Amino acid sequence: SFRYDGADRDAVSGVSMKIAQGKHVAFVGPSGGGKSTTAALIARFFDVKDGSISIGGVDIRQIPKAKLNDMIAYVFQNNKLLKMSIRENLKLAKPDATDDELKRALHLAQCDDIIAKLPQGIDTQLGTHGTYLSGGETQRIAIARALLKDAPIVILDEATAFADPENESLVQKAFDEMGKNKTVIMIAHRLSTVKDAYLKCMDNIYVIDDGCIVEEGTHDELLADNIHENNYKKMWDEYKKSVTWKVVV
């Protein structure tokens, strides 16, 4: 459980889960339900008030912060790049990275088109002389940085929210590369920001609402549950309706 300082109620309450190495899971549910806070606790942005979080059987409070940071790559929904070259931004994840490693990370993150159009390529200074990237392009560079880090645990917090349709497709391809042989936690505030295929191939989906896990199971299991009040099924039905909307002029 966890409560923010000054709050009168828990942001996360009595949450219990076990994510096996190499598995891919999703946290879904309404905004403000506790999904991002739960993920932030795993990365130890905050410490739990009650209970514990362990990686490999070791309480994360016993793991040196630098080592824990090396174990987790976190891609936020609105990543920022510093006003320095793309090379320098990438090397924040791995200062001793070679040129070949940088090029490979950029290629896997679907960034070849971005680098090709920049005046000095990977050494282009961002934020100067009118050199700026779109939200989706920035996200792909951020994913390249996370790929370069090569952490065994990857947390994706609504990571396609600010991408246009073309960039979103490329970001999703980058996710495919990023998730290979990794433990992945994907956070989705709206199912419309996660491709059907990603939800359907998740090893487990946790529906988090009001700080609690209210449902869990695979995509098919949650849709087939006709016994309990099924929040996931309602979310899925609303999503399917939304993708069939049309504007008639």
C-alpha atoms as a PDB file:
ATOM      1  CA  SER A   1       0.000   0.000   0.000  1.00  0.00           C
ATOM      2  CA  PHE A   2       1.061   3.591  -0.615  1.00  0.00           C
ATOM      3  CA  ARG A   3      -0.296   7.016   0.274  1.00  0.00           C
ATOM      4  CA  TYR A   4       1.044  10.328  -0.992  1.00  0.00           C
ATOM      5  CA  ASP A   5       2.107  12.791   1.694  1.00  0.00           C
ATOM      6  CA  GLY A   6      -0.836  14.923   2.778  1.00  0.00           C
ATOM      7  CA  ALA A   7      -3.433  12.636   1.157  1.00  0.00           C
ATOM      8  CA  ASP A   8      -6.358  11.334   3.169  1.00  0.00           C
ATOM      9  CA  ARG A   9      -6.542   7.961   1.413  1.00  0.00           C
ATOM     10  CA  ASP A  10      -4.250   5.391  -0.178  1.00  0.00           C
ATOM     11  CA  ALA A  11      -3.313   5.755  -3.849  1.00  0.00           C
ATOM     12  CA  VAL A  12      -2.504   2.026  -3.877  1.00  0.00           C
ATOM     13  CA  SER A  13      -4.201  -0.268  -1.388  1.00  0.00           C
ATOM     14  CA  GLY A  14      -3.452  -3.925  -0.715  1.00  0.00           C
ATOM     15  CA  VAL A  15      -2.102  -4.648  -4.199  1.00  0.00           C
ATOM     16  CA  SER A  16      -0.507  -8.081  -4.574  1.00  0.00           C
ATOM     17  CA  MET A  17       0.904  -9.597  -7.754  1.00  0.00           C
ATOM     18  CA  LYS A  18       3.751 -11.727  -9.048  1.00  0.00           C
ATOM     19  CA  ILE A  19       5.205 -11.102 -12.500  1.00  0.00           C
ATOM     20  CA  ALA A  20       7.503 -13.861 -13.699  1.00  0.00           C
ATOM     21  CA  GLN A  21      10.729 -13.086 -15.526  1.00  0.00           C
ATOM     22  CA  GLY A  22      10.187 -12.543 -19.242  1.00  0.00           C
ATOM     23  CA  LYS A  23       6.416 -12.130 -18.980  1.00  0.00           C
ATOM     24  CA  HIS A  24       4.457  -9.242 -20.501  1.00  0.00           C
ATOM     25  CA  VAL A  25       1.621  -7.747 -18.457  1.00  0.00           C
ATOM     26  CA  ALA A  26      -0.669  -4.764 -18.781  1.00  0.00           C
ATOM     27  CA  PHE A  27      -2.091  -2.403 -16.169  1.00  0.00           C
ATOM     28  CA  VAL A  28      -5.407  -1.010 -17.423  1.00  0.00           C
ATOM     29  CA  GLY A  29      -8.209   0.959 -15.843  1.00  0.00           C
ATOM     30  CA  PRO A  30      -9.540   4.489 -15.441  1.00  0.00           C
ATOM     31  CA  SER A  31      -7.257   7.490 -15.034  1.00  0.00           C
ATOM     32  CA  GLY A  32      -6.411   8.109 -11.403  1.00  0.00           C
ATOM     33  CA  GLY A  33      -6.964   4.461 -10.534  1.00  0.00           C
ATOM     34  CA  GLY A  34      -3.394   3.790  -9.372  1.00  0.00           C
ATOM     35  CA  LYS A  35      -1.729   2.203 -12.426  1.00  0.00           C
ATOM     36  CA  SER A  36       1.118   4.689 -12.832  1.00  0.00           C
ATOM     37  CA  THR A  37       1.646   4.875  -9.069  1.00  0.00           C
ATOM     38  CA  THR A  38       1.968   1.082  -8.893  1.00  0.00           C
ATOM     39  CA  ALA A  39       4.568   1.128 -11.672  1.00  0.00           C
ATOM     40  CA  ALA A  40       6.401   4.040 -10.036  1.00  0.00           C
ATOM     41  CA  LEU A  41       6.631   2.026  -6.819  1.00  0.00           C
ATOM     42  CA  ILE A  42       8.242  -0.847  -8.745  1.00  0.00           C
ATOM     43  CA  ALA A  43      10.875   1.585 -10.037  1.00  0.00           C
ATOM     44  CA  ARG A  44      11.193   2.980  -6.501  1.00  0.00           C
ATOM     45  CA  PHE A  45      10.287   6.539  -7.408  1.00  0.00           C
ATOM     46  CA  PHE A  46       8.507   6.266  -4.043  1.00  0.00           C
ATOM     47  CA  ASP A  47       8.701   3.734  -1.236  1.00  0.00           C
ATOM     48  CA  VAL A  48       5.704   1.666  -0.193  1.00  0.00           C
ATOM     49  CA  LYS A  49       4.134   2.521   3.166  1.00  0.00           C
ATOM     50  CA  ASP A  50       3.081  -1.052   3.905  1.00  0.00           C
ATOM     51  CA  GLY A  51       4.325  -4.318   2.431  1.00  0.00           C
ATOM     52  CA  SER A  52       7.267  -4.734   0.076  1.00  0.00           C
ATOM     53  CA  ILE A  53       8.317  -5.056  -3.553  1.00  0.00           C
ATOM     54  CA  SER A  54      10.961  -7.598  -4.502  1.00  0.00           C
ATOM     55  CA  ILE A  55      12.926  -8.288  -7.662  1.00  0.00           C
ATOM     56  CA  GLY A  56      14.485 -11.733  -7.814  1.00  0.00           C
ATOM     57  CA  GLY A  57      13.497 -12.267  -4.196  1.00  0.00           C
ATOM     58  CA  VAL A  58      15.357  -9.162  -2.972  1.00  0.00           C
ATOM     59  CA  ASP A  59      13.476  -6.230  -1.447  1.00  0.00           C
ATOM     60  CA  ILE A  60      14.154  -3.275  -3.758  1.00  0.00           C
ATOM     61  CA  ARG A  61      14.948  -1.144  -0.698  1.00  0.00           C
ATOM     62  CA  GLN A  62      17.976  -3.394  -0.213  1.00  0.00           C
ATOM     63  CA  ILE A  63      19.164  -2.907  -3.800  1.00  0.00           C
ATOM     64  CA  PRO A  64      21.525   0.073  -4.338  1.00  0.00           C
ATOM     65  CA  LYS A  65      19.653   2.765  -6.275  1.00  0.00           C
ATOM     66  CA  ALA A  66      22.220   2.838  -9.088  1.00  0.00           C
ATOM     67  CA  LYS A  67      21.863  -0.922  -9.573  1.00  0.00           C
ATOM     68  CA  LEU A  68      18.061  -0.757  -9.442  1.00  0.00           C
ATOM     69  CA  ASN A  69      18.140   2.019 -12.032  1.00  0.00           C
ATOM     70  CA  ASP A  70      20.208  -0.236 -14.301  1.00  0.00           C
ATOM     71  CA  MET A  71      17.574  -2.966 -13.958  1.00  0.00           C
ATOM     72  CA  ILE A  72      14.577  -0.897 -15.098  1.00  0.00           C
ATOM     73  CA  ALA A  73      13.968   1.078 -18.299  1.00  0.00           C
ATOM     74  CA  TYR A  74      11.007   3.446 -17.980  1.00  0.00           C
ATOM     75  CA  VAL A  75       9.373   5.052 -21.030  1.00  0.00           C
ATOM     76  CA  PHE A  76       6.919   7.786 -20.045  1.00  0.00           C
ATOM     77  CA  GLN A  77       3.962   9.010 -22.078  1.00  0.00           C
ATOM     78  CA  ASN A  78       5.616  12.397 -22.592  1.00  0.00           C
ATOM     79  CA  ASN A  79       9.373  11.894 -22.680  1.00  0.00           C
ATOM     80  CA  LYS A  80      11.671  14.886 -22.918  1.00  0.00           C
ATOM     81  CA  LEU A  81      15.005  15.155 -24.692  1.00  0.00           C
ATOM     82  CA  LEU A  82      17.651  17.553 -23.435  1.00  0.00           C
ATOM     83  CA  LYS A  83      18.985  20.408 -25.551  1.00  0.00           C
ATOM     84  CA  MET A  84      22.061  18.515 -26.662  1.00  0.00           C
ATOM     85  CA  SER A  85      22.859  16.201 -29.546  1.00  0.00           C
ATOM     86  CA  ILE A  86      20.974  12.974 -30.104  1.00  0.00           C
ATOM     87  CA  ARG A  87      24.243  11.147 -29.452  1.00  0.00           C
ATOM     88  CA  GLU A  88      24.547  12.813 -26.037  1.00  0.00           C
ATOM     89  CA  ASN A  89      20.881  12.142 -25.230  1.00  0.00           C
ATOM     90  CA  LEU A  90      21.343   8.459 -25.989  1.00  0.00           C
ATOM     91  CA  LYS A  91      24.544   8.209 -23.986  1.00  0.00           C
ATOM     92  CA  LEU A  92      22.672   9.257 -20.857  1.00  0.00           C
ATOM     93  CA  ALA A  93      21.599   5.591 -20.787  1.00  0.00           C
ATOM     94  CA  LYS A  94      25.038   4.176 -21.523  1.00  0.00           C
ATOM     95  CA  PRO A  95      27.952   6.664 -21.427  1.00  0.00           C
ATOM     96  CA  ASP A  96      30.443   4.223 -22.964  1.00  0.00           C
ATOM     97  CA  ALA A  97      28.206   3.145 -25.861  1.00  0.00           C
ATOM     98  CA  THR A  98      30.001   2.647 -29.173  1.00  0.00           C
ATOM     99  CA  ASP A  99      28.824   4.131 -32.471  1.00  0.00           C
ATOM    100  CA  ASP A 100      27.677   0.683 -33.577  1.00  0.00           C
ATOM    101  CA  GLU A 101      25.592   0.303 -30.411  1.00  0.00           C
ATOM    102  CA  LEU A 102      24.034   3.731 -30.921  1.00  0.00           C
ATOM    103  CA  LYS A 103      23.181   2.990 -34.560  1.00  0.00           C
ATOM    104  CA  ARG A 104      21.698  -0.394 -33.652  1.00  0.00           C
ATOM    105  CA  ALA A 105      19.488   1.102 -30.915  1.00  0.00           C
ATOM    106  CA  LEU A 106      18.276   3.831 -33.278  1.00  0.00           C
ATOM    107  CA  HIS A 107      17.562   1.289 -36.011  1.00  0.00           C
ATOM    108  CA  LEU A 108      15.616  -1.036 -33.705  1.00  0.00           C
ATOM    109  CA  ALA A 109      13.626   1.956 -32.417  1.00  0.00           C
ATOM    110  CA  GLN A 110      12.603   2.800 -35.990  1.00  0.00           C
ATOM    111  CA  CYS A 111      14.600   6.067 -35.975  1.00  0.00           C
ATOM    112  CA  ASP A 112      16.461   5.740 -39.292  1.00  0.00           C
ATOM    113  CA  ASP A 113      14.163   8.259 -41.018  1.00  0.00           C
ATOM    114  CA  ILE A 114      14.655  10.785 -38.200  1.00  0.00           C
ATOM    115  CA  ILE A 115      18.444  10.623 -38.351  1.00  0.00           C
ATOM    116  CA  ALA A 116      18.451  10.764 -42.166  1.00  0.00           C
ATOM    117  CA  LYS A 117      16.638  14.111 -42.281  1.00  0.00           C
ATOM    118  CA  LEU A 118      18.736  15.878 -39.616  1.00  0.00           C
ATOM    119  CA  PRO A 119      21.550  18.139 -40.848  1.00  0.00           C
ATOM    120  CA  GLN A 120      24.311  16.536 -38.748  1.00  0.00           C
ATOM    121  CA  GLY A 121      22.598  13.198 -38.231  1.00  0.00           C
ATOM    122  CA  ILE A 122      23.159  11.758 -34.773  1.00  0.00           C
ATOM    123  CA  ASP A 123      25.292  14.777 -33.823  1.00  0.00           C
ATOM    124  CA  THR A 124      22.536  17.300 -34.553  1.00  0.00           C
ATOM    125  CA  GLN A 125      21.897  19.593 -31.611  1.00  0.00           C
ATOM    126  CA  LEU A 126      18.242  19.570 -30.591  1.00  0.00           C
ATOM    127  CA  GLY A 127      16.454  22.799 -29.779  1.00  0.00           C
ATOM    128  CA  THR A 128      18.859  24.990 -31.739  1.00  0.00           C
ATOM    129  CA  HIS A 129      18.543  26.576 -35.188  1.00  0.00           C
ATOM    130  CA  GLY A 130      14.957  25.388 -35.443  1.00  0.00           C
ATOM    131  CA  THR A 131      15.790  21.693 -34.990  1.00  0.00           C
ATOM    132  CA  TYR A 132      12.884  20.154 -33.129  1.00  0.00           C
ATOM    133  CA  LEU A 133      11.233  16.742 -33.174  1.00  0.00           C
ATOM    134  CA  SER A 134       7.540  15.870 -33.056  1.00  0.00           C
ATOM    135  CA  GLY A 135       6.077  14.078 -30.053  1.00  0.00           C
ATOM    136  CA  GLY A 136       6.165  10.728 -31.841  1.00  0.00           C
ATOM    137  CA  GLU A 137       9.739  11.247 -33.038  1.00  0.00           C
ATOM    138  CA  THR A 138      10.844  12.240 -29.552  1.00  0.00           C
ATOM    139  CA  GLN A 139       9.210   9.080 -28.241  1.00  0.00           C
ATOM    140  CA  ARG A 140      11.133   6.916 -30.696  1.00  0.00           C
ATOM    141  CA  ILE A 141      14.436   8.498 -29.669  1.00  0.00           C
ATOM    142  CA  ALA A 142      13.481   7.880 -26.021  1.00  0.00           C
ATOM    143  CA  ILE A 143      12.802   4.234 -26.868  1.00  0.00           C
ATOM    144  CA  ALA A 144      16.219   4.019 -28.565  1.00  0.00           C
ATOM    145  CA  ARG A 145      17.729   5.318 -25.335  1.00  0.00           C
ATOM    146  CA  ALA A 146      15.856   2.661 -23.358  1.00  0.00           C
ATOM    147  CA  LEU A 147      16.947  -0.035 -25.819  1.00  0.00           C
ATOM    148  CA  LEU A 148      20.542   1.074 -25.379  1.00  0.00           C
ATOM    149  CA  LYS A 149      20.149   0.697 -21.631  1.00  0.00           C
ATOM    150  CA  ASP A 150      19.217  -2.964 -22.187  1.00  0.00           C
ATOM    151  CA  ALA A 151      17.512  -3.287 -18.796  1.00  0.00           C
ATOM    152  CA  PRO A 152      15.782  -6.608 -18.005  1.00  0.00           C
ATOM    153  CA  ILE A 153      12.577  -4.839 -16.876  1.00  0.00           C
ATOM    154  CA  VAL A 154      10.729  -2.388 -19.140  1.00  0.00           C
ATOM    155  CA  ILE A 155       7.866  -0.139 -17.997  1.00  0.00           C
ATOM    156  CA  LEU A 156       5.841   1.605 -20.719  1.00  0.00           C
ATOM    157  CA  ASP A 157       3.524   4.257 -19.295  1.00  0.00           C
ATOM    158  CA  GLU A 158       0.943   5.154 -21.962  1.00  0.00           C
ATOM    159  CA  ALA A 159       3.902   5.488 -24.290  1.00  0.00           C
ATOM    160  CA  THR A 160       1.952   6.112 -27.522  1.00  0.00           C
ATOM    161  CA  ALA A 161      -0.395   8.762 -26.134  1.00  0.00           C
ATOM    162  CA  PHE A 162       1.241  11.691 -27.949  1.00  0.00           C
ATOM    163  CA  ALA A 163       2.060   9.968 -31.235  1.00  0.00           C
ATOM    164  CA  ASP A 164       0.209  10.646 -34.480  1.00  0.00           C
ATOM    165  CA  PRO A 165      -1.049   7.550 -36.385  1.00  0.00           C
ATOM    166  CA  GLU A 166       2.093   7.243 -38.546  1.00  0.00           C
ATOM    167  CA  ASN A 167       4.451   7.610 -35.593  1.00  0.00           C
ATOM    168  CA  GLU A 168       2.287   5.313 -33.463  1.00  0.00           C
ATOM    169  CA  SER A 169       2.805   2.463 -35.921  1.00  0.00           C
ATOM    170  CA  LEU A 170       6.577   2.973 -35.759  1.00  0.00           C
ATOM    171  CA  VAL A 171       6.510   3.264 -31.964  1.00  0.00           C
ATOM    172  CA  GLN A 172       4.631  -0.023 -31.728  1.00  0.00           C
ATOM    173  CA  LYS A 173       7.278  -1.698 -33.921  1.00  0.00           C
ATOM    174  CA  ALA A 174       9.928  -0.282 -31.607  1.00  0.00           C
ATOM    175  CA  PHE A 175       8.052  -1.791 -28.654  1.00  0.00           C
ATOM    176  CA  ASP A 176       8.253  -5.196 -30.362  1.00  0.00           C
ATOM    177  CA  GLU A 177      12.047  -4.942 -30.395  1.00  0.00           C
ATOM    178  CA  MET A 178      12.249  -3.478 -26.922  1.00  0.00           C
ATOM    179  CA  GLY A 179      10.202  -6.254 -25.349  1.00  0.00           C
ATOM    180  CA  LYS A 180      12.200  -9.198 -26.676  1.00  0.00           C
ATOM    181  CA  ASN A 181      13.465 -11.329 -23.766  1.00  0.00           C
ATOM    182  CA  LYS A 182      12.380  -8.650 -21.284  1.00  0.00           C
ATOM    183  CA  THR A 183       9.849  -8.422 -18.492  1.00  0.00           C
ATOM    184  CA  VAL A 184       7.401  -5.774 -19.721  1.00  0.00           C
ATOM    185  CA  ILE A 185       4.770  -3.787 -17.847  1.00  0.00           C
ATOM    186  CA  MET A 186       2.533  -1.755 -20.156  1.00  0.00           C
ATOM    187  CA  ILE A 187       0.240   0.882 -18.661  1.00  0.00           C
ATOM    188  CA  ALA A 188      -2.854   1.901 -20.626  1.00  0.00           C
ATOM    189  CA  HIS A 189      -5.260   4.553 -19.402  1.00  0.00           C
ATOM    190  CA  ARG A 190      -7.339   4.132 -22.560  1.00  0.00           C
ATOM    191  CA  LEU A 191      -7.539   0.882 -24.498  1.00  0.00           C
ATOM    192  CA  SER A 192      -7.579   2.958 -27.693  1.00  0.00           C
ATOM    193  CA  THR A 193      -3.880   3.711 -27.137  1.00  0.00           C
ATOM    194  CA  VAL A 194      -2.937   0.021 -27.160  1.00  0.00           C
ATOM    195  CA  LYS A 195      -3.221  -2.070 -30.288  1.00  0.00           C
ATOM    196  CA  ASP A 196      -5.586  -5.053 -30.086  1.00  0.00           C
ATOM    197  CA  ALA A 197      -2.691  -7.428 -30.706  1.00  0.00           C
ATOM    198  CA  TYR A 198      -0.788  -6.194 -27.661  1.00  0.00           C
ATOM    199  CA  LEU A 199      -3.655  -6.823 -25.275  1.00  0.00           C
ATOM    200  CA  LYS A 200      -4.427 -10.188 -26.819  1.00  0.00           C
ATOM    201  CA  CYS A 201      -0.840 -11.416 -26.427  1.00  0.00           C
ATOM    202  CA  MET A 202      -0.334 -10.182 -22.857  1.00  0.00           C
ATOM    203  CA  ASP A 203       0.438 -12.952 -20.389  1.00  0.00           C
ATOM    204  CA  ASN A 204      -1.745 -11.217 -17.824  1.00  0.00           C
ATOM    205  CA  ILE A 205      -3.844  -8.068 -17.562  1.00  0.00           C
ATOM    206  CA  TYR A 206      -4.451  -6.316 -14.251  1.00  0.00           C
ATOM    207  CA  VAL A 207      -7.454  -4.016 -14.052  1.00  0.00           C
ATOM    208  CA  ILE A 208      -6.604  -1.392 -11.423  1.00  0.00           C
ATOM    209  CA  ASP A 209      -9.257   0.942 -10.061  1.00  0.00           C
ATOM    210  CA  ASP A 210      -9.391   3.033  -6.909  1.00  0.00           C
ATOM    211  CA  GLY A 211      -5.943   1.771  -5.939  1.00  0.00           C
ATOM    212  CA  CYS A 212      -6.905  -1.904  -6.036  1.00  0.00           C
ATOM    213  CA  ILE A 213      -6.644  -4.808  -8.459  1.00  0.00           C
ATOM    214  CA  VAL A 214     -10.293  -5.450  -9.279  1.00  0.00           C
ATOM    215  CA  GLU A 215      -9.742  -8.045 -12.034  1.00  0.00           C
ATOM    216  CA  GLU A 216      -6.895 -10.027 -13.508  1.00  0.00           C
ATOM    217  CA  GLY A 217      -6.472 -12.576 -16.270  1.00  0.00           C
ATOM    218  CA  THR A 218      -5.672 -12.850 -19.941  1.00  0.00           C
ATOM    219  CA  HIS A 219      -7.610 -10.859 -22.525  1.00  0.00           C
ATOM    220  CA  ASP A 220      -9.734 -13.891 -23.440  1.00  0.00           C
ATOM    221  CA  GLU A 221     -10.344 -14.883 -19.815  1.00  0.00           C
ATOM    222  CA  LEU A 222     -11.539 -11.422 -18.863  1.00  0.00           C
ATOM    223  CA  LEU A 223     -13.904 -11.188 -21.824  1.00  0.00           C
ATOM    224  CA  ALA A 224     -15.315 -14.656 -21.079  1.00  0.00           C
ATOM    225  CA  ASP A 225     -16.050 -13.855 -17.415  1.00  0.00           C
ATOM    226  CA  ASN A 226     -19.830 -13.525 -17.205  1.00  0.00           C
ATOM    227  CA  ILE A 227     -20.048 -14.100 -13.439  1.00  0.00           C
ATOM    228  CA  HIS A 228     -18.429 -11.004 -11.940  1.00  0.00           C
ATOM    229  CA  GLU A 229     -18.981  -7.342 -12.659  1.00  0.00           C
ATOM    230  CA  ASN A 230     -16.556  -7.100 -15.562  1.00  0.00           C
ATOM    231  CA  ASN A 231     -14.865  -3.719 -15.810  1.00  0.00           C
ATOM    232  CA  TYR A 232     -12.450  -4.889 -18.500  1.00  0.00           C
ATOM    233  CA  LYS A 233     -15.250  -6.157 -20.710  1.00  0.00           C
ATOM    234  CA  LYS A 234     -17.011  -2.799 -20.411  1.00  0.00           C
ATOM    235  CA  MET A 235     -13.804  -0.986 -21.346  1.00  0.00           C
ATOM    236  CA  TRP A 236     -13.297  -3.305 -24.298  1.00  0.00           C
ATOM    237  CA  ASP A 237     -16.869  -2.868 -25.540  1.00  0.00           C
ATOM    238  CA  GLU A 238     -16.509   0.925 -25.337  1.00  0.00           C
ATOM    239  CA  TYR A 239     -13.222   0.736 -27.218  1.00  0.00           C
ATOM    240  CA  LYS A 240     -14.714  -1.418 -29.978  1.00  0.00           C
ATOM    241  CA  LYS A 241     -17.598   1.052 -30.355  1.00  0.00           C
ATOM    242  CA  SER A 242     -15.207   3.986 -30.554  1.00  0.00           C
ATOM    243  CA  VAL A 243     -13.221   2.531 -33.460  1.00  0.00           C
ATOM    244  CA  THR A 244     -16.392   2.158 -35.532  1.00  0.00           C
ATOM    245  CA  TRP A 245     -17.480   5.807 -35.204  1.00  0.00           C
ATOM    246  CA  LYS A 246     -17.881   7.696 -38.426  1.00  0.00           C
ATOM    247  CA  VAL A 247     -18.380  11.342 -39.260  1.00  0.00           C
ATOM    248  CA  VAL A 248     -20.876  11.900 -42.048  1.00  0.00           C
ATOM    249  CA  VAL A 249     -20.924  15.266 -43.828  1.00  0.00           C
END
